[in-house]
Amino acid sequence: MRLLITGVGGFVGRHLAHILDQETDWELWGWARRPVTGFPDRLRLAQVDLRDPEAVRQGLAVVRPEGIIHLAAQSDVAESWRDPWGTFETNVRGTLNLLDGIRGLGLRPRVLIVTSNEVYGLIRPEDVPVREDHPFRPANPYGVSKAAQDWLAALYATAYALPIIRARPFNHIGPGQDPRFAVPSFARQIAWIEAGLQEPVIRVGNLEAQRDFTDVRDVARAYRLLLERGEPGEVYNIGSGQPRPIREVLERLLAMARVNVRVEVDPQRIRPLEIPISAADTARIRERLGWEPRIPLEQSLWDVLEEWRTWARQERERQSP
């Protein structure tokens, strides 16, 4: 299979590229908006801005993929409040350009469009775990952009008979995640405190919200499985199915810390509108495709913390005279 990964330089894209390099003999292509490094030698990289329809069309004409996993996105909820149009332009226009490029060139690759659990938005406790047929009530600009992306994918699958599968992943964590997100933010602060690079205070946002955490490597496995065996036109939740308070995740990381720290709420980290609880009903992907998360939360948290400890040691050495 000739596979194209958009957004290959992102958090999930990097893990997915390495997994596919190790486990398949597929011809791998990757698109990123900016120059990226650190990938398997056989991955063919190109710099493509999905907001540019002509660049997308030309890129597709070169690759002529048989499969596409569309990961490219602006995925930070806080950033979507600061720059809603930038989020829409990347997530909605980028997806539309990709789908129009496929259709215009007469290509018929299997396409996995990755949206988000944020499309469900304001969920009541009695709605948990959330099924794929739950109505959309997005609670932030990012969620609205992902809902539009999801609907576009469904529309093109129906109107043009394109073999498009949709994935709605819930929160995923693991090595390589940007510290704008909660878990790597906590881990970075702990590692910096241990290295003497920060005062012994961790600054946090809302700790009472409950989220469904899955390791990024399990999510990447799910994407491969969906591309290979997912039913075109169908949508699949990806998650652990278990809601956990953010406070519990922080407490688990603090139990791994080598120093005592104080926790303080930072008003700048509080979102204008917070979803109190979210967790996936994953019966569809489990029963139809046999996918199960393999990596326990404790291992994911340890791997994230150890990665930040490595970077903290490097930063301390850099600052030493």
C-alpha atoms as a PDB file:
ATOM      1  CA  MET A   1       0.000   0.000   0.000  1.00  0.00           C
ATOM      2  CA  ARG A   2       1.142   3.528  -0.778  1.00  0.00           C
ATOM      3  CA  LEU A   3       0.118   5.398   2.392  1.00  0.00           C
ATOM      4  CA  LEU A   4       0.069   9.152   2.967  1.00  0.00           C
ATOM      5  CA  ILE A   5       0.068  10.549   6.511  1.00  0.00           C
ATOM      6  CA  THR A   6      -0.881  14.218   6.733  1.00  0.00           C
ATOM      7  CA  GLY A   7       0.383  16.033   9.811  1.00  0.00           C
ATOM      8  CA  VAL A   8       3.156  13.466  10.135  1.00  0.00           C
ATOM      9  CA  GLY A   9       5.252  15.869  12.219  1.00  0.00           C
ATOM     10  CA  GLY A  10       2.649  16.020  14.979  1.00  0.00           C
ATOM     11  CA  PHE A  11       2.284  14.066  18.202  1.00  0.00           C
ATOM     12  CA  VAL A  12       0.379  11.090  16.778  1.00  0.00           C
ATOM     13  CA  GLY A  13       1.934  11.268  13.316  1.00  0.00           C
ATOM     14  CA  ARG A  14       5.421  10.575  14.621  1.00  0.00           C
ATOM     15  CA  HIS A  15       4.308   7.526  16.590  1.00  0.00           C
ATOM     16  CA  LEU A  16       2.238   6.240  13.685  1.00  0.00           C
ATOM     17  CA  ALA A  17       5.105   6.609  11.193  1.00  0.00           C
ATOM     18  CA  HIS A  18       7.481   4.624  13.399  1.00  0.00           C
ATOM     19  CA  ILE A  19       4.913   1.888  14.089  1.00  0.00           C
ATOM     20  CA  LEU A  20       4.134   1.482  10.385  1.00  0.00           C
ATOM     21  CA  ASP A  21       7.833   1.468   9.538  1.00  0.00           C
ATOM     22  CA  GLN A  22       8.410  -1.394  11.987  1.00  0.00           C
ATOM     23  CA  GLU A  23       5.265  -3.423  11.275  1.00  0.00           C
ATOM     24  CA  THR A  24       4.496  -3.004   7.553  1.00  0.00           C
ATOM     25  CA  ASP A  25       6.209  -2.952   4.184  1.00  0.00           C
ATOM     26  CA  TRP A  26       3.968  -0.132   2.973  1.00  0.00           C
ATOM     27  CA  GLU A  27       5.355   2.697   0.891  1.00  0.00           C
ATOM     28  CA  LEU A  28       5.186   5.552   3.405  1.00  0.00           C
ATOM     29  CA  TRP A  29       4.731   9.226   2.572  1.00  0.00           C
ATOM     30  CA  GLY A  30       4.354  12.078   5.032  1.00  0.00           C
ATOM     31  CA  TRP A  31       3.226  15.681   4.718  1.00  0.00           C
ATOM     32  CA  ALA A  32       4.051  18.428   7.196  1.00  0.00           C
ATOM     33  CA  ARG A  33       3.555  22.183   7.050  1.00  0.00           C
ATOM     34  CA  ARG A  34       7.094  22.852   8.250  1.00  0.00           C
ATOM     35  CA  PRO A  35      10.406  20.995   7.863  1.00  0.00           C
ATOM     36  CA  VAL A  36      10.604  17.969  10.210  1.00  0.00           C
ATOM     37  CA  THR A  37      13.305  15.453  11.104  1.00  0.00           C
ATOM     38  CA  GLY A  38      13.750  12.216  13.037  1.00  0.00           C
ATOM     39  CA  PHE A  39      11.765   9.861  10.818  1.00  0.00           C
ATOM     40  CA  PRO A  40      12.514   6.420   9.339  1.00  0.00           C
ATOM     41  CA  ASP A  41      14.664   6.645   6.219  1.00  0.00           C
ATOM     42  CA  ARG A  42      12.040   5.063   3.993  1.00  0.00           C
ATOM     43  CA  LEU A  43       9.394   7.678   4.856  1.00  0.00           C
ATOM     44  CA  ARG A  44       9.207  10.152   1.974  1.00  0.00           C
ATOM     45  CA  LEU A  45       8.625  13.612   3.408  1.00  0.00           C
ATOM     46  CA  ALA A  46       7.157  16.643   1.684  1.00  0.00           C
ATOM     47  CA  GLN A  47       6.313  20.111   2.930  1.00  0.00           C
ATOM     48  CA  VAL A  48       2.647  20.745   2.060  1.00  0.00           C
ATOM     49  CA  ASP A  49       0.293  23.362   3.499  1.00  0.00           C
ATOM     50  CA  LEU A  50      -3.186  21.848   3.376  1.00  0.00           C
ATOM     51  CA  ARG A  51      -4.726  25.325   3.424  1.00  0.00           C
ATOM     52  CA  ASP A  52      -3.410  25.776  -0.146  1.00  0.00           C
ATOM     53  CA  PRO A  53      -5.670  23.825  -2.557  1.00  0.00           C
ATOM     54  CA  GLU A  54      -3.175  23.851  -5.431  1.00  0.00           C
ATOM     55  CA  ALA A  55      -0.341  22.600  -3.211  1.00  0.00           C
ATOM     56  CA  VAL A  56      -2.614  19.779  -2.032  1.00  0.00           C
ATOM     57  CA  ARG A  57      -3.640  18.861  -5.569  1.00  0.00           C
ATOM     58  CA  GLN A  58      -0.038  18.814  -6.777  1.00  0.00           C
ATOM     59  CA  GLY A  59       1.055  16.763  -3.779  1.00  0.00           C
ATOM     60  CA  LEU A  60      -1.687  14.194  -4.334  1.00  0.00           C
ATOM     61  CA  ALA A  61      -0.796  13.978  -8.022  1.00  0.00           C
ATOM     62  CA  VAL A  62       2.777  13.054  -7.042  1.00  0.00           C
ATOM     63  CA  VAL A  63       1.922  10.500  -4.343  1.00  0.00           C
ATOM     64  CA  ARG A  64      -1.300   9.045  -5.812  1.00  0.00           C
ATOM     65  CA  PRO A  65      -1.945   7.326  -2.472  1.00  0.00           C
ATOM     66  CA  GLU A  66      -3.902   4.127  -1.980  1.00  0.00           C
ATOM     67  CA  GLY A  67      -4.484   5.036   1.662  1.00  0.00           C
ATOM     68  CA  ILE A  68      -4.545   8.325   3.598  1.00  0.00           C
ATOM     69  CA  ILE A  69      -4.552   8.926   7.345  1.00  0.00           C
ATOM     70  CA  HIS A  70      -5.491  12.575   7.798  1.00  0.00           C
ATOM     71  CA  LEU A  71      -4.004  13.838  11.073  1.00  0.00           C
ATOM     72  CA  ALA A  72      -3.079  17.429  10.156  1.00  0.00           C
ATOM     73  CA  ALA A  73      -4.907  19.778  12.526  1.00  0.00           C
ATOM     74  CA  GLN A  74      -4.743  22.613  15.008  1.00  0.00           C
ATOM     75  CA  SER A  75      -5.552  20.494  18.064  1.00  0.00           C
ATOM     76  CA  ASP A  76      -5.133  22.817  21.060  1.00  0.00           C
ATOM     77  CA  VAL A  77      -8.478  23.835  22.582  1.00  0.00           C
ATOM     78  CA  ALA A  78      -6.959  26.864  24.352  1.00  0.00           C
ATOM     79  CA  GLU A  79      -5.411  28.044  21.075  1.00  0.00           C
ATOM     80  CA  SER A  80      -8.791  27.699  19.373  1.00  0.00           C
ATOM     81  CA  TRP A  81     -10.226  30.276  21.776  1.00  0.00           C
ATOM     82  CA  ARG A  82      -7.336  32.650  21.025  1.00  0.00           C
ATOM     83  CA  ASP A  83      -7.435  32.107  17.247  1.00  0.00           C
ATOM     84  CA  PRO A  84     -10.734  30.542  16.175  1.00  0.00           C
ATOM     85  CA  TRP A  85     -10.345  31.413  12.493  1.00  0.00           C
ATOM     86  CA  GLY A  86      -6.836  29.924  12.330  1.00  0.00           C
ATOM     87  CA  THR A  87      -8.274  26.738  13.822  1.00  0.00           C
ATOM     88  CA  PHE A  88     -11.134  26.663  11.309  1.00  0.00           C
ATOM     89  CA  GLU A  89      -8.854  27.382   8.373  1.00  0.00           C
ATOM     90  CA  THR A  90      -6.503  24.529   9.265  1.00  0.00           C
ATOM     91  CA  ASN A  91      -9.066  21.943  10.316  1.00  0.00           C
ATOM     92  CA  VAL A  92     -11.980  22.630   7.962  1.00  0.00           C
ATOM     93  CA  ARG A  93     -10.378  24.173   4.889  1.00  0.00           C
ATOM     94  CA  GLY A  94      -7.471  21.724   5.057  1.00  0.00           C
ATOM     95  CA  THR A  95      -9.847  18.761   5.097  1.00  0.00           C
ATOM     96  CA  LEU A  96     -11.989  20.205   2.311  1.00  0.00           C
ATOM     97  CA  ASN A  97      -8.907  20.781   0.126  1.00  0.00           C
ATOM     98  CA  LEU A  98      -7.777  17.197   0.714  1.00  0.00           C
ATOM     99  CA  LEU A  99     -11.160  15.675  -0.144  1.00  0.00           C
ATOM    100  CA  ASP A 100     -11.642  17.940  -3.169  1.00  0.00           C
ATOM    101  CA  GLY A 101      -8.136  17.101  -4.364  1.00  0.00           C
ATOM    102  CA  ILE A 102      -8.853  13.376  -4.151  1.00  0.00           C
ATOM    103  CA  ARG A 103     -12.134  13.782  -6.027  1.00  0.00           C
ATOM    104  CA  GLY A 104     -10.717  16.134  -8.651  1.00  0.00           C
ATOM    105  CA  LEU A 105      -7.893  13.751  -9.539  1.00  0.00           C
ATOM    106  CA  GLY A 106     -10.212  10.758  -9.727  1.00  0.00           C
ATOM    107  CA  LEU A 107      -8.380   8.951  -6.917  1.00  0.00           C
ATOM    108  CA  ARG A 108     -10.065   6.385  -4.691  1.00  0.00           C
ATOM    109  CA  PRO A 109      -7.808   5.795  -1.697  1.00  0.00           C
ATOM    110  CA  ARG A 110      -9.157   4.507   1.576  1.00  0.00           C
ATOM    111  CA  VAL A 111      -9.185   7.627   3.763  1.00  0.00           C
ATOM    112  CA  LEU A 112      -9.224   7.819   7.553  1.00  0.00           C
ATOM    113  CA  ILE A 113     -10.386  11.253   8.725  1.00  0.00           C
ATOM    114  CA  VAL A 114      -9.444  11.796  12.370  1.00  0.00           C
ATOM    115  CA  THR A 115     -11.824  14.156  14.154  1.00  0.00           C
ATOM    116  CA  SER A 116     -12.206  14.300  17.952  1.00  0.00           C
ATOM    117  CA  ASN A 117     -14.341  13.506  20.969  1.00  0.00           C
ATOM    118  CA  GLU A 118     -14.713  17.295  21.276  1.00  0.00           C
ATOM    119  CA  VAL A 119     -17.494  17.080  18.674  1.00  0.00           C
ATOM    120  CA  TYR A 120     -19.758  15.663  21.405  1.00  0.00           C
ATOM    121  CA  GLY A 121     -19.075  18.659  23.623  1.00  0.00           C
ATOM    122  CA  LEU A 122     -21.366  19.216  26.588  1.00  0.00           C
ATOM    123  CA  ILE A 123     -22.056  15.711  27.841  1.00  0.00           C
ATOM    124  CA  ARG A 124     -24.266  14.905  30.807  1.00  0.00           C
ATOM    125  CA  PRO A 125     -23.097  12.270  33.314  1.00  0.00           C
ATOM    126  CA  GLU A 126     -26.001  10.026  32.260  1.00  0.00           C
ATOM    127  CA  ASP A 127     -24.708  10.109  28.650  1.00  0.00           C
ATOM    128  CA  VAL A 128     -21.386   8.493  29.602  1.00  0.00           C
ATOM    129  CA  PRO A 129     -19.982   6.411  27.965  1.00  0.00           C
ATOM    130  CA  VAL A 130     -20.742   8.291  24.749  1.00  0.00           C
ATOM    131  CA  ARG A 131     -21.851   6.349  21.677  1.00  0.00           C
ATOM    132  CA  GLU A 132     -21.068   7.362  18.114  1.00  0.00           C
ATOM    133  CA  ASP A 133     -24.705   8.348  17.511  1.00  0.00           C
ATOM    134  CA  HIS A 134     -24.679  10.917  20.319  1.00  0.00           C
ATOM    135  CA  PRO A 135     -25.655  14.409  19.076  1.00  0.00           C
ATOM    136  CA  PHE A 136     -22.970  17.034  18.553  1.00  0.00           C
ATOM    137  CA  ARG A 137     -22.875  19.864  21.119  1.00  0.00           C
ATOM    138  CA  PRO A 138     -19.298  21.214  20.777  1.00  0.00           C
ATOM    139  CA  ALA A 139     -18.244  23.562  23.567  1.00  0.00           C
ATOM    140  CA  ASN A 140     -15.246  25.334  22.027  1.00  0.00           C
ATOM    141  CA  PRO A 141     -14.081  26.546  18.595  1.00  0.00           C
ATOM    142  CA  TYR A 142     -11.861  23.491  18.181  1.00  0.00           C
ATOM    143  CA  GLY A 143     -14.837  21.188  18.737  1.00  0.00           C
ATOM    144  CA  VAL A 144     -16.931  23.150  16.242  1.00  0.00           C
ATOM    145  CA  SER A 145     -14.155  22.880  13.636  1.00  0.00           C
ATOM    146  CA  LYS A 146     -13.898  19.136  14.211  1.00  0.00           C
ATOM    147  CA  ALA A 147     -17.675  18.741  13.933  1.00  0.00           C
ATOM    148  CA  ALA A 148     -17.528  20.491  10.547  1.00  0.00           C
ATOM    149  CA  GLN A 149     -14.646  18.234   9.512  1.00  0.00           C
ATOM    150  CA  ASP A 150     -16.623  15.165  10.586  1.00  0.00           C
ATOM    151  CA  TRP A 151     -19.703  16.261   8.633  1.00  0.00           C
ATOM    152  CA  LEU A 152     -17.603  17.032   5.541  1.00  0.00           C
ATOM    153  CA  ALA A 153     -16.119  13.542   5.643  1.00  0.00           C
ATOM    154  CA  ALA A 154     -19.578  11.982   5.956  1.00  0.00           C
ATOM    155  CA  LEU A 155     -20.897  14.168   3.113  1.00  0.00           C
ATOM    156  CA  TYR A 156     -18.090  13.260   0.693  1.00  0.00           C
ATOM    157  CA  ALA A 157     -18.407   9.584   1.564  1.00  0.00           C
ATOM    158  CA  THR A 158     -22.111   9.689   0.681  1.00  0.00           C
ATOM    159  CA  ALA A 159     -22.179  12.168  -2.203  1.00  0.00           C
ATOM    160  CA  TYR A 160     -19.120  10.869  -4.065  1.00  0.00           C
ATOM    161  CA  ALA A 161     -18.991   7.246  -2.831  1.00  0.00           C
ATOM    162  CA  LEU A 162     -15.479   7.788  -1.486  1.00  0.00           C
ATOM    163  CA  PRO A 163     -14.211   5.074   0.913  1.00  0.00           C
ATOM    164  CA  ILE A 164     -13.904   7.382   3.942  1.00  0.00           C
ATOM    165  CA  ILE A 165     -13.785   6.164   7.549  1.00  0.00           C
ATOM    166  CA  ARG A 166     -14.046   8.530  10.506  1.00  0.00           C
ATOM    167  CA  ALA A 167     -12.265   8.162  13.856  1.00  0.00           C
ATOM    168  CA  ARG A 168     -13.205  10.101  16.985  1.00  0.00           C
ATOM    169  CA  PRO A 169     -10.350   9.674  19.446  1.00  0.00           C
ATOM    170  CA  PHE A 170     -10.758  10.726  23.053  1.00  0.00           C
ATOM    171  CA  ASN A 171      -7.834  12.164  25.052  1.00  0.00           C
ATOM    172  CA  HIS A 172      -4.540  10.472  24.253  1.00  0.00           C
ATOM    173  CA  ILE A 173      -1.211  10.862  26.034  1.00  0.00           C
ATOM    174  CA  GLY A 174       2.343   9.617  25.711  1.00  0.00           C
ATOM    175  CA  PRO A 175       5.914  10.659  24.918  1.00  0.00           C
ATOM    176  CA  GLY A 176       6.311  13.578  22.535  1.00  0.00           C
ATOM    177  CA  GLN A 177       3.146  15.476  23.424  1.00  0.00           C
ATOM    178  CA  ASP A 178       3.289  19.274  23.535  1.00  0.00           C
ATOM    179  CA  PRO A 179       3.347  20.705  27.107  1.00  0.00           C
ATOM    180  CA  ARG A 180       0.356  22.898  26.247  1.00  0.00           C
ATOM    181  CA  PHE A 181      -1.671  19.799  27.164  1.00  0.00           C
ATOM    182  CA  ALA A 182      -2.357  18.829  30.774  1.00  0.00           C
ATOM    183  CA  VAL A 183      -0.354  15.612  31.277  1.00  0.00           C
ATOM    184  CA  PRO A 184       2.914  16.754  29.649  1.00  0.00           C
ATOM    185  CA  SER A 185       2.497  20.126  31.394  1.00  0.00           C
ATOM    186  CA  PHE A 186       2.361  18.382  34.774  1.00  0.00           C
ATOM    187  CA  ALA A 187       5.276  16.088  33.888  1.00  0.00           C
ATOM    188  CA  ARG A 188       7.436  18.939  32.608  1.00  0.00           C
ATOM    189  CA  GLN A 189       6.884  20.957  35.757  1.00  0.00           C
ATOM    190  CA  ILE A 190       7.747  17.978  37.978  1.00  0.00           C
ATOM    191  CA  ALA A 191      10.906  17.254  35.993  1.00  0.00           C
ATOM    192  CA  TRP A 192      11.976  20.919  36.067  1.00  0.00           C
ATOM    193  CA  ILE A 193      11.411  21.049  39.841  1.00  0.00           C
ATOM    194  CA  GLU A 194      13.444  17.856  40.353  1.00  0.00           C
ATOM    195  CA  ALA A 195      16.285  19.371  38.307  1.00  0.00           C
ATOM    196  CA  GLY A 196      16.222  22.621  40.276  1.00  0.00           C
ATOM    197  CA  LEU A 197      15.052  24.598  37.256  1.00  0.00           C
ATOM    198  CA  GLN A 198      11.725  25.704  38.771  1.00  0.00           C
ATOM    199  CA  GLU A 199      10.358  26.559  42.209  1.00  0.00           C
ATOM    200  CA  PRO A 200       8.485  23.617  43.827  1.00  0.00           C
ATOM    201  CA  VAL A 201       5.054  24.742  42.623  1.00  0.00           C
ATOM    202  CA  ILE A 202       2.921  23.122  39.914  1.00  0.00           C
ATOM    203  CA  ARG A 203       0.421  25.445  38.271  1.00  0.00           C
ATOM    204  CA  VAL A 204      -2.747  23.795  37.015  1.00  0.00           C
ATOM    205  CA  GLY A 205      -6.153  24.495  35.509  1.00  0.00           C
ATOM    206  CA  ASN A 206      -9.412  22.729  36.338  1.00  0.00           C
ATOM    207  CA  LEU A 207      -8.619  19.445  38.101  1.00  0.00           C
ATOM    208  CA  GLU A 208     -12.210  18.290  38.536  1.00  0.00           C
ATOM    209  CA  ALA A 209     -12.959  17.627  34.862  1.00  0.00           C
ATOM    210  CA  GLN A 210     -13.009  13.915  33.989  1.00  0.00           C
ATOM    211  CA  ARG A 211     -11.387  12.634  30.817  1.00  0.00           C
ATOM    212  CA  ASP A 212     -10.877   9.335  28.985  1.00  0.00           C
ATOM    213  CA  PHE A 213      -7.104   8.766  28.562  1.00  0.00           C
ATOM    214  CA  THR A 214      -5.524   6.302  26.118  1.00  0.00           C
ATOM    215  CA  ASP A 215      -1.862   5.882  25.227  1.00  0.00           C
ATOM    216  CA  VAL A 216      -0.936   7.439  21.878  1.00  0.00           C
ATOM    217  CA  ARG A 217       0.672   4.193  20.731  1.00  0.00           C
ATOM    218  CA  ASP A 218      -2.614   2.350  21.213  1.00  0.00           C
ATOM    219  CA  VAL A 219      -4.391   5.119  19.305  1.00  0.00           C
ATOM    220  CA  ALA A 220      -1.903   4.787  16.439  1.00  0.00           C
ATOM    221  CA  ARG A 221      -2.613   1.042  16.300  1.00  0.00           C
ATOM    222  CA  ALA A 222      -6.313   1.817  16.089  1.00  0.00           C
ATOM    223  CA  TYR A 223      -5.746   4.143  13.131  1.00  0.00           C
ATOM    224  CA  ARG A 224      -3.876   1.464  11.212  1.00  0.00           C
ATOM    225  CA  LEU A 225      -6.620  -1.056  11.920  1.00  0.00           C
ATOM    226  CA  LEU A 226      -9.357   1.356  10.855  1.00  0.00           C
ATOM    227  CA  LEU A 227      -7.590   2.188   7.602  1.00  0.00           C
ATOM    228  CA  GLU A 228      -7.170  -1.498   6.800  1.00  0.00           C
ATOM    229  CA  ARG A 229     -10.499  -2.889   7.984  1.00  0.00           C
ATOM    230  CA  GLY A 230     -12.841  -0.054   8.939  1.00  0.00           C
ATOM    231  CA  GLU A 231     -16.156   0.122   7.102  1.00  0.00           C
ATOM    232  CA  PRO A 232     -16.340   3.056   4.652  1.00  0.00           C
ATOM    233  CA  GLY A 233     -18.936   5.610   5.732  1.00  0.00           C
ATOM    234  CA  GLU A 234     -18.709   4.442   9.350  1.00  0.00           C
ATOM    235  CA  VAL A 235     -17.415   6.285  12.419  1.00  0.00           C
ATOM    236  CA  TYR A 236     -15.565   4.794  15.404  1.00  0.00           C
ATOM    237  CA  ASN A 237     -14.824   6.092  18.895  1.00  0.00           C
ATOM    238  CA  ILE A 238     -11.329   5.396  20.246  1.00  0.00           C
ATOM    239  CA  GLY A 239     -10.691   5.467  23.980  1.00  0.00           C
ATOM    240  CA  SER A 240     -10.379   3.503  27.183  1.00  0.00           C
ATOM    241  CA  GLY A 241     -14.025   3.916  28.151  1.00  0.00           C
ATOM    242  CA  GLN A 242     -13.069   5.027  31.651  1.00  0.00           C
ATOM    243  CA  PRO A 243     -13.441   8.658  32.791  1.00  0.00           C
ATOM    244  CA  ARG A 244     -10.717   9.815  35.199  1.00  0.00           C
ATOM    245  CA  PRO A 245     -10.558  13.133  37.056  1.00  0.00           C
ATOM    246  CA  ILE A 246      -7.585  15.263  36.020  1.00  0.00           C
ATOM    247  CA  ARG A 247      -6.799  15.430  39.740  1.00  0.00           C
ATOM    248  CA  GLU A 248      -6.246  11.651  39.805  1.00  0.00           C
ATOM    249  CA  VAL A 249      -3.798  11.840  36.901  1.00  0.00           C
ATOM    250  CA  LEU A 250      -1.872  14.625  38.628  1.00  0.00           C
ATOM    251  CA  GLU A 251      -1.787  12.664  41.887  1.00  0.00           C
ATOM    252  CA  ARG A 252      -0.370   9.620  40.087  1.00  0.00           C
ATOM    253  CA  LEU A 253       2.397  11.764  38.592  1.00  0.00           C
ATOM    254  CA  LEU A 254       3.112  13.385  41.956  1.00  0.00           C
ATOM    255  CA  ALA A 255       3.471   9.908  43.482  1.00  0.00           C
ATOM    256  CA  MET A 256       6.280   9.290  40.949  1.00  0.00           C
ATOM    257  CA  ALA A 257       8.010  12.581  41.778  1.00  0.00           C
ATOM    258  CA  ARG A 258      11.296  12.657  43.694  1.00  0.00           C
ATOM    259  CA  VAL A 259      10.487  15.945  45.423  1.00  0.00           C
ATOM    260  CA  ASN A 260       7.596  17.476  47.329  1.00  0.00           C
ATOM    261  CA  VAL A 261       5.664  20.104  45.416  1.00  0.00           C
ATOM    262  CA  ARG A 262       2.789  22.489  45.986  1.00  0.00           C
ATOM    263  CA  VAL A 263      -0.175  22.666  43.593  1.00  0.00           C
ATOM    264  CA  GLU A 264      -1.671  26.048  42.674  1.00  0.00           C
ATOM    265  CA  VAL A 265      -4.566  26.851  40.346  1.00  0.00           C
ATOM    266  CA  ASP A 266      -3.588  29.298  37.609  1.00  0.00           C
ATOM    267  CA  PRO A 267      -6.615  31.323  36.395  1.00  0.00           C
ATOM    268  CA  GLN A 268      -4.947  31.644  32.972  1.00  0.00           C
ATOM    269  CA  ARG A 269      -5.306  27.878  32.542  1.00  0.00           C
ATOM    270  CA  ILE A 270      -9.080  27.863  33.093  1.00  0.00           C
ATOM    271  CA  ARG A 271     -11.101  27.595  29.868  1.00  0.00           C
ATOM    272  CA  PRO A 272     -14.121  29.841  29.201  1.00  0.00           C
ATOM    273  CA  LEU A 273     -16.337  26.748  28.985  1.00  0.00           C
ATOM    274  CA  GLU A 274     -15.288  23.391  30.441  1.00  0.00           C
ATOM    275  CA  ILE A 275     -16.755  19.989  29.616  1.00  0.00           C
ATOM    276  CA  PRO A 276     -17.169  18.296  33.026  1.00  0.00           C
ATOM    277  CA  ILE A 277     -16.973  14.637  31.935  1.00  0.00           C
ATOM    278  CA  SER A 278     -16.157  12.639  28.826  1.00  0.00           C
ATOM    279  CA  ALA A 279     -15.609   8.955  28.097  1.00  0.00           C
ATOM    280  CA  ALA A 280     -16.041   6.760  25.038  1.00  0.00           C
ATOM    281  CA  ASP A 281     -18.319   3.868  24.317  1.00  0.00           C
ATOM    282  CA  THR A 282     -15.863   1.784  22.265  1.00  0.00           C
ATOM    283  CA  ALA A 283     -18.051  -1.274  21.656  1.00  0.00           C
ATOM    284  CA  ARG A 284     -18.032  -0.694  17.884  1.00  0.00           C
ATOM    285  CA  ILE A 285     -14.258  -0.810  17.357  1.00  0.00           C
ATOM    286  CA  ARG A 286     -13.797  -3.542  19.962  1.00  0.00           C
ATOM    287  CA  GLU A 287     -16.502  -5.871  18.669  1.00  0.00           C
ATOM    288  CA  ARG A 288     -16.078  -5.311  14.935  1.00  0.00           C
ATOM    289  CA  LEU A 289     -12.304  -4.940  14.688  1.00  0.00           C
ATOM    290  CA  GLY A 290     -10.964  -6.483  17.893  1.00  0.00           C
ATOM    291  CA  TRP A 291      -9.062  -3.390  19.034  1.00  0.00           C
ATOM    292  CA  GLU A 292      -8.249  -3.022  22.731  1.00  0.00           C
ATOM    293  CA  PRO A 293      -5.922  -0.567  24.474  1.00  0.00           C
ATOM    294  CA  ARG A 294      -2.847  -2.421  25.731  1.00  0.00           C
ATOM    295  CA  ILE A 295      -0.762   0.161  27.587  1.00  0.00           C
ATOM    296  CA  PRO A 296      -1.940   0.955  31.148  1.00  0.00           C
ATOM    297  CA  LEU A 297      -2.258   4.557  32.326  1.00  0.00           C
ATOM    298  CA  GLU A 298       0.567   4.133  34.835  1.00  0.00           C
ATOM    299  CA  GLN A 299       2.998   3.162  32.072  1.00  0.00           C
ATOM    300  CA  SER A 300       1.931   6.078  29.894  1.00  0.00           C
ATOM    301  CA  LEU A 301       2.464   8.549  32.730  1.00  0.00           C
ATOM    302  CA  TRP A 302       5.855   7.063  33.622  1.00  0.00           C
ATOM    303  CA  ASP A 303       7.029   7.253  30.008  1.00  0.00           C
ATOM    304  CA  VAL A 304       5.975  10.907  29.752  1.00  0.00           C
ATOM    305  CA  LEU A 305       7.688  11.817  33.022  1.00  0.00           C
ATOM    306  CA  GLU A 306      10.898   9.995  32.110  1.00  0.00           C
ATOM    307  CA  GLU A 307      11.033  11.815  28.772  1.00  0.00           C
ATOM    308  CA  TRP A 308      10.734  15.182  30.518  1.00  0.00           C
ATOM    309  CA  ARG A 309      13.378  14.141  33.056  1.00  0.00           C
ATOM    310  CA  THR A 310      15.776  13.543  30.166  1.00  0.00           C
ATOM    311  CA  TRP A 311      15.041  16.980  28.738  1.00  0.00           C
ATOM    312  CA  ALA A 312      15.369  18.560  32.187  1.00  0.00           C
ATOM    313  CA  ARG A 313      18.845  17.053  32.628  1.00  0.00           C
ATOM    314  CA  GLN A 314      19.843  18.382  29.220  1.00  0.00           C
ATOM    315  CA  GLU A 315      18.509  21.827  30.096  1.00  0.00           C
ATOM    316  CA  ARG A 316      20.373  21.864  33.413  1.00  0.00           C
ATOM    317  CA  GLU A 317      23.602  20.892  31.648  1.00  0.00           C
ATOM    318  CA  ARG A 318      23.031  23.612  29.074  1.00  0.00           C
ATOM    319  CA  GLN A 319      22.599  26.217  31.788  1.00  0.00           C
ATOM    320  CA  SER A 320      25.629  25.062  33.789  1.00  0.00           C
ATOM    321  CA  PRO A 321      28.733  27.309  33.387  1.00  0.00           C
END
